[in-house]
PDB file of N, CA and C in Angstrom:
ATOM      1  N   UNK A   1       5.866 144.651-144.013  1.00  0.00           N
ATOM      2  CA  UNK A   1       5.938 145.851-144.817  1.00  0.00           C
ATOM      3  C   UNK A   1       6.059 145.436-146.236  1.00  0.00           C
ATOM      4  N   UNK A   2       5.499 146.444-146.914  1.00  0.00           N
ATOM      5  CA  UNK A   2       5.416 146.175-148.410  1.00  0.00           C
ATOM      6  C   UNK A   2       5.799 147.498-149.221  1.00  0.00           C
ATOM      7  N   UNK A   3       6.638 147.441-150.253  1.00  0.00           N
ATOM      8  CA  UNK A   3       7.019 148.614-150.925  1.00  0.00           C
ATOM      9  C   UNK A   3       7.163 148.237-152.406  1.00  0.00           C
ATOM     10  N   UNK A   4       7.072 149.305-153.165  1.00  0.00           N
ATOM     11  CA  UNK A   4       7.366 149.336-154.658  1.00  0.00           C
ATOM     12  C   UNK A   4       8.477 150.227-155.085  1.00  0.00           C
ATOM     13  N   UNK A   5       9.120 149.919-156.189  1.00  0.00           N
ATOM     14  CA  UNK A   5      10.175 150.882-156.586  1.00  0.00           C
ATOM     15  C   UNK A   5       9.541 152.164-156.694  1.00  0.00           C
ATOM     16  N   UNK A   6      10.304 153.160-156.143  1.00  0.00           N
ATOM     17  CA  UNK A   6       9.950 154.646-156.239  1.00  0.00           C
ATOM     18  C   UNK A   6       9.351 155.133-154.900  1.00  0.00           C
ATOM     19  N   UNK A   7       8.826 154.183-154.100  1.00  0.00           N
ATOM     20  CA  UNK A   7       8.313 154.391-152.764  1.00  0.00           C
ATOM     21  C   UNK A   7       9.383 155.029-151.906  1.00  0.00           C
ATOM     22  N   UNK A   8       9.163 155.693-150.875  1.00  0.00           N
ATOM     23  CA  UNK A   8       9.943 156.249-149.869  1.00  0.00           C
ATOM     24  C   UNK A   8      10.071 155.302-148.665  1.00  0.00           C
ATOM     25  N   UNK A   9      11.217 155.099-148.073  1.00  0.00           N
ATOM     26  CA  UNK A   9      11.330 154.294-146.906  1.00  0.00           C
ATOM     27  C   UNK A   9      11.777 155.409-145.829  1.00  0.00           C
ATOM     28  N   UNK A  10      11.123 155.486-144.735  1.00  0.00           N
ATOM     29  CA  UNK A  10      11.161 156.611-143.707  1.00  0.00           C
ATOM     30  C   UNK A  10      11.536 155.975-142.563  1.00  0.00           C
ATOM     31  N   UNK A  11      12.668 156.002-142.003  1.00  0.00           N
ATOM     32  CA  UNK A  11      13.123 155.564-140.536  1.00  0.00           C
ATOM     33  C   UNK A  11      12.930 156.757-139.474  1.00  0.00           C
ATOM     34  N   UNK A  12      12.335 156.677-138.731  1.00  0.00           N
ATOM     35  CA  UNK A  12      11.948 157.741-137.806  1.00  0.00           C
ATOM     36  C   UNK A  12      13.020 157.656-136.586  1.00  0.00           C
ATOM     37  N   UNK A  13      13.279 158.696-136.014  1.00  0.00           N
ATOM     38  CA  UNK A  13      14.341 158.970-134.942  1.00  0.00           C
ATOM     39  C   UNK A  13      13.659 158.911-133.567  1.00  0.00           C
ATOM     40  N   UNK A  14      14.183 158.401-132.564  1.00  0.00           N
ATOM     41  CA  UNK A  14      13.708 158.264-131.362  1.00  0.00           C
ATOM     42  C   UNK A  14      14.410 159.094-130.251  1.00  0.00           C
ATOM     43  N   UNK A  15      15.492 159.727-130.793  1.00  0.00           N
ATOM     44  CA  UNK A  15      16.470 160.414-129.882  1.00  0.00           C
ATOM     45  C   UNK A  15      16.771 161.888-130.521  1.00  0.00           C
ATOM     46  N   UNK A  16      17.297 162.715-129.915  1.00  0.00           N
ATOM     47  CA  UNK A  16      17.815 164.156-130.345  1.00  0.00           C
ATOM     48  C   UNK A  16      19.120 163.922-130.955  1.00  0.00           C
ATOM     49  N   UNK A  17      19.787 162.816-130.854  1.00  0.00           N
ATOM     50  CA  UNK A  17      21.168 162.587-131.375  1.00  0.00           C
ATOM     51  C   UNK A  17      21.108 162.195-132.824  1.00  0.00           C
ATOM     52  N   UNK A  18      20.032 161.605-133.238  1.00  0.00           N
ATOM     53  CA  UNK A  18      19.817 161.101-134.551  1.00  0.00           C
ATOM     54  C   UNK A  18      18.655 161.832-135.139  1.00  0.00           C
ATOM     55  N   UNK A  19      18.710 161.938-136.479  1.00  0.00           N
ATOM     56  CA  UNK A  19      17.650 162.697-137.175  1.00  0.00           C
ATOM     57  C   UNK A  19      16.740 161.485-138.201  1.00  0.00           C
ATOM     58  N   UNK A  20      15.662 161.961-138.559  1.00  0.00           N
ATOM     59  CA  UNK A  20      14.978 161.046-139.434  1.00  0.00           C
ATOM     60  C   UNK A  20      15.515 160.828-140.710  1.00  0.00           C
ATOM     61  N   UNK A  21      15.504 159.604-141.211  1.00  0.00           N
ATOM     62  CA  UNK A  21      16.214 159.323-142.455  1.00  0.00           C
ATOM     63  C   UNK A  21      15.235 158.902-143.457  1.00  0.00           C
ATOM     64  N   UNK A  22      15.373 159.323-144.680  1.00  0.00           N
ATOM     65  CA  UNK A  22      14.555 158.835-145.838  1.00  0.00           C
ATOM     66  C   UNK A  22      15.281 158.384-146.967  1.00  0.00           C
ATOM     67  N   UNK A  23      14.806 157.365-147.810  1.00  0.00           N
ATOM     68  CA  UNK A  23      15.493 156.863-148.893  1.00  0.00           C
ATOM     69  C   UNK A  23      14.280 156.569-149.906  1.00  0.00           C
ATOM     70  N   UNK A  24      14.873 156.411-151.014  1.00  0.00           N
ATOM     71  CA  UNK A  24      14.112 156.071-152.340  1.00  0.00           C
ATOM     72  C   UNK A  24      14.342 154.495-152.547  1.00  0.00           C
ATOM     73  N   UNK A  25      13.260 153.902-152.561  1.00  0.00           N
ATOM     74  CA  UNK A  25      13.334 152.304-152.971  1.00  0.00           C
ATOM     75  C   UNK A  25      13.673 152.257-154.527  1.00  0.00           C
ATOM     76  N   UNK A  26      14.956 151.645-154.646  1.00  0.00           N
ATOM     77  CA  UNK A  26      15.244 151.392-155.970  1.00  0.00           C
ATOM     78  C   UNK A  26      14.964 149.978-156.661  1.00  0.00           C
ATOM     79  N   UNK A  27      15.088 149.132-155.566  1.00  0.00           N
ATOM     80  CA  UNK A  27      14.795 147.608-155.967  1.00  0.00           C
ATOM     81  C   UNK A  27      14.078 146.930-154.924  1.00  0.00           C
ATOM     82  N   UNK A  28      13.220 146.051-155.090  1.00  0.00           N
ATOM     83  CA  UNK A  28      12.348 145.299-153.946  1.00  0.00           C
ATOM     84  C   UNK A  28      13.129 143.952-154.289  1.00  0.00           C
ATOM     85  N   UNK A  29      13.812 143.341-153.043  1.00  0.00           N
ATOM     86  CA  UNK A  29      14.357 141.932-153.459  1.00  0.00           C
ATOM     87  C   UNK A  29      13.646 140.852-152.722  1.00  0.00           C
ATOM     88  N   UNK A  30      12.718 141.193-151.759  1.00  0.00           N
ATOM     89  CA  UNK A  30      12.059 140.235-151.149  1.00  0.00           C
ATOM     90  C   UNK A  30      10.757 139.801-151.904  1.00  0.00           C
ATOM     91  N   UNK A  31      10.145 138.749-151.296  1.00  0.00           N
ATOM     92  CA  UNK A  31       8.872 138.176-151.923  1.00  0.00           C
ATOM     93  C   UNK A  31       7.668 139.224-151.665  1.00  0.00           C
ATOM     94  N   UNK A  32       6.816 139.269-152.556  1.00  0.00           N
ATOM     95  CA  UNK A  32       5.613 140.064-152.655  1.00  0.00           C
ATOM     96  C   UNK A  32       5.778 141.514-152.040  1.00  0.00           C
ATOM     97  N   UNK A  33       6.826 142.229-152.352  1.00  0.00           N
ATOM     98  CA  UNK A  33       7.161 143.567-152.084  1.00  0.00           C
ATOM     99  C   UNK A  33       7.885 143.819-150.767  1.00  0.00           C
ATOM    100  N   UNK A  34       8.272 142.559-150.079  1.00  0.00           N
ATOM    101  CA  UNK A  34       8.863 142.686-148.785  1.00  0.00           C
ATOM    102  C   UNK A  34      10.357 143.036-148.797  1.00  0.00           C
ATOM    103  N   UNK A  35      10.924 143.102-147.585  1.00  0.00           N
ATOM    104  CA  UNK A  35      12.436 143.498-147.574  1.00  0.00           C
ATOM    105  C   UNK A  35      13.246 142.161-147.898  1.00  0.00           C
ATOM    106  N   UNK A  36      14.463 142.388-148.330  1.00  0.00           N
ATOM    107  CA  UNK A  36      15.155 143.585-148.267  1.00  0.00           C
ATOM    108  C   UNK A  36      14.933 144.561-149.370  1.00  0.00           C
ATOM    109  N   UNK A  37      15.376 145.937-149.282  1.00  0.00           N
ATOM    110  CA  UNK A  37      15.159 146.758-150.201  1.00  0.00           C
ATOM    111  C   UNK A  37      16.688 147.371-150.710  1.00  0.00           C
ATOM    112  N   UNK A  38      16.819 147.582-151.916  1.00  0.00           N
ATOM    113  CA  UNK A  38      18.134 148.491-152.309  1.00  0.00           C
ATOM    114  C   UNK A  38      17.475 149.981-152.379  1.00  0.00           C
ATOM    115  N   UNK A  39      18.073 150.731-151.478  1.00  0.00           N
ATOM    116  CA  UNK A  39      17.584 152.037-151.408  1.00  0.00           C
ATOM    117  C   UNK A  39      18.794 153.034-151.607  1.00  0.00           C
ATOM    118  N   UNK A  40      18.293 154.371-151.903  1.00  0.00           N
ATOM    119  CA  UNK A  40      19.431 155.366-151.968  1.00  0.00           C
ATOM    120  C   UNK A  40      18.936 156.539-150.839  1.00  0.00           C
ATOM    121  N   UNK A  41      19.780 156.539-150.117  1.00  0.00           N
ATOM    122  CA  UNK A  41      19.427 157.339-148.726  1.00  0.00           C
ATOM    123  C   UNK A  41      19.476 159.001-149.165  1.00  0.00           C
ATOM    124  N   UNK A  42      18.828 159.786-148.172  1.00  0.00           N
ATOM    125  CA  UNK A  42      18.974 161.175-148.428  1.00  0.00           C
ATOM    126  C   UNK A  42      20.230 161.865-148.564  1.00  0.00           C
ATOM    127  N   UNK A  43      21.221 161.177-148.197  1.00  0.00           N
ATOM    128  CA  UNK A  43      22.732 161.763-148.202  1.00  0.00           C
ATOM    129  C   UNK A  43      23.273 161.190-149.640  1.00  0.00           C
ATOM    130  N   UNK A  44      22.553 160.432-150.311  1.00  0.00           N
ATOM    131  CA  UNK A  44      23.138 159.989-151.727  1.00  0.00           C
ATOM    132  C   UNK A  44      23.527 158.636-151.698  1.00  0.00           C
ATOM    133  N   UNK A  45      24.117 158.073-150.573  1.00  0.00           N
ATOM    134  CA  UNK A  45      24.628 156.518-150.642  1.00  0.00           C
ATOM    135  C   UNK A  45      23.528 155.580-150.827  1.00  0.00           C
ATOM    136  N   UNK A  46      23.992 154.447-151.362  1.00  0.00           N
ATOM    137  CA  UNK A  46      22.993 153.494-151.620  1.00  0.00           C
ATOM    138  C   UNK A  46      23.295 152.194-150.619  1.00  0.00           C
ATOM    139  N   UNK A  47      22.232 151.363-150.383  1.00  0.00           N
ATOM    140  CA  UNK A  47      22.685 150.154-149.316  1.00  0.00           C
ATOM    141  C   UNK A  47      21.513 149.423-149.447  1.00  0.00           C
ATOM    142  N   UNK A  48      21.470 148.059-149.026  1.00  0.00           N
ATOM    143  CA  UNK A  48      20.392 147.116-148.767  1.00  0.00           C
ATOM    144  C   UNK A  48      19.835 147.491-147.469  1.00  0.00           C
ATOM    145  N   UNK A  49      18.612 147.570-147.494  1.00  0.00           N
ATOM    146  CA  UNK A  49      17.871 148.047-146.253  1.00  0.00           C
ATOM    147  C   UNK A  49      16.908 146.809-145.678  1.00  0.00           C
ATOM    148  N   UNK A  50      17.119 146.478-144.379  1.00  0.00           N
ATOM    149  CA  UNK A  50      16.099 145.524-143.839  1.00  0.00           C
ATOM    150  C   UNK A  50      15.309 146.297-142.574  1.00  0.00           C
ATOM    151  N   UNK A  51      14.460 147.029-143.168  1.00  0.00           N
ATOM    152  CA  UNK A  51      13.728 148.030-142.180  1.00  0.00           C
ATOM    153  C   UNK A  51      13.252 147.345-140.800  1.00  0.00           C
ATOM    154  N   UNK A  52      13.408 148.133-139.651  1.00  0.00           N
ATOM    155  CA  UNK A  52      12.845 147.513-138.485  1.00  0.00           C
ATOM    156  C   UNK A  52      11.587 148.085-138.089  1.00  0.00           C
ATOM    157  N   UNK A  53      11.150 147.922-136.824  1.00  0.00           N
ATOM    158  CA  UNK A  53       9.689 148.571-136.381  1.00  0.00           C
ATOM    159  C   UNK A  53       9.770 150.128-136.434  1.00  0.00           C
ATOM    160  N   UNK A  54      10.696 150.788-136.475  1.00  0.00           N
ATOM    161  CA  UNK A  54      10.769 152.360-136.538  1.00  0.00           C
ATOM    162  C   UNK A  54      10.584 152.767-137.909  1.00  0.00           C
ATOM    163  N   UNK A  55      10.407 151.982-138.984  1.00  0.00           N
ATOM    164  CA  UNK A  55      10.301 152.361-140.247  1.00  0.00           C
ATOM    165  C   UNK A  55       9.115 152.143-140.977  1.00  0.00           C
ATOM    166  N   UNK A  56       8.772 153.046-141.938  1.00  0.00           N
ATOM    167  CA  UNK A  56       7.659 152.930-142.596  1.00  0.00           C
ATOM    168  C   UNK A  56       7.783 153.372-144.019  1.00  0.00           C
ATOM    169  N   UNK A  57       6.863 152.834-145.087  1.00  0.00           N
ATOM    170  CA  UNK A  57       6.820 153.110-146.322  1.00  0.00           C
ATOM    171  C   UNK A  57       5.815 154.387-146.696  1.00  0.00           C
ATOM    172  N   UNK A  58       6.310 155.171-147.478  1.00  0.00           N
ATOM    173  CA  UNK A  58       5.394 156.173-147.991  1.00  0.00           C
ATOM    174  C   UNK A  58       5.270 155.870-149.448  1.00  0.00           C
ATOM    175  N   UNK A  59       3.990 155.782-150.128  1.00  0.00           N
ATOM    176  CA  UNK A  59       3.905 155.505-151.423  1.00  0.00           C
ATOM    177  C   UNK A  59       4.520 156.551-152.372  1.00  0.00           C
ATOM    178  N   UNK A  60       4.957 156.340-153.591  1.00  0.00           N
ATOM    179  CA  UNK A  60       5.442 157.167-154.394  1.00  0.00           C
ATOM    180  C   UNK A  60       4.293 158.181-154.726  1.00  0.00           C
ATOM    181  N   UNK A  61       4.456 159.591-155.025  1.00  0.00           N
ATOM    182  CA  UNK A  61       3.432 160.373-155.204  1.00  0.00           C
ATOM    183  C   UNK A  61       2.757 161.158-153.955  1.00  0.00           C
ATOM    184  N   UNK A  62       3.240 160.664-152.847  1.00  0.00           N
ATOM    185  CA  UNK A  62       2.626 161.370-151.658  1.00  0.00           C
ATOM    186  C   UNK A  62       3.592 162.163-150.887  1.00  0.00           C
TER     187      UNK A  62
END
């Protein structure tokens, strides 16, 4: 996985009990654009994200 500041991290839901989550990438802390990422989630809180296989990156502007 590769991300840049301003990209969106999207984590898909695989059940009805959870919803799809989106976050803005604020900082890339891994080498060559890799995780972990400091993100601001759609509910406003910030955290360090280590995305799993259910996540993908949407480039800024899309």
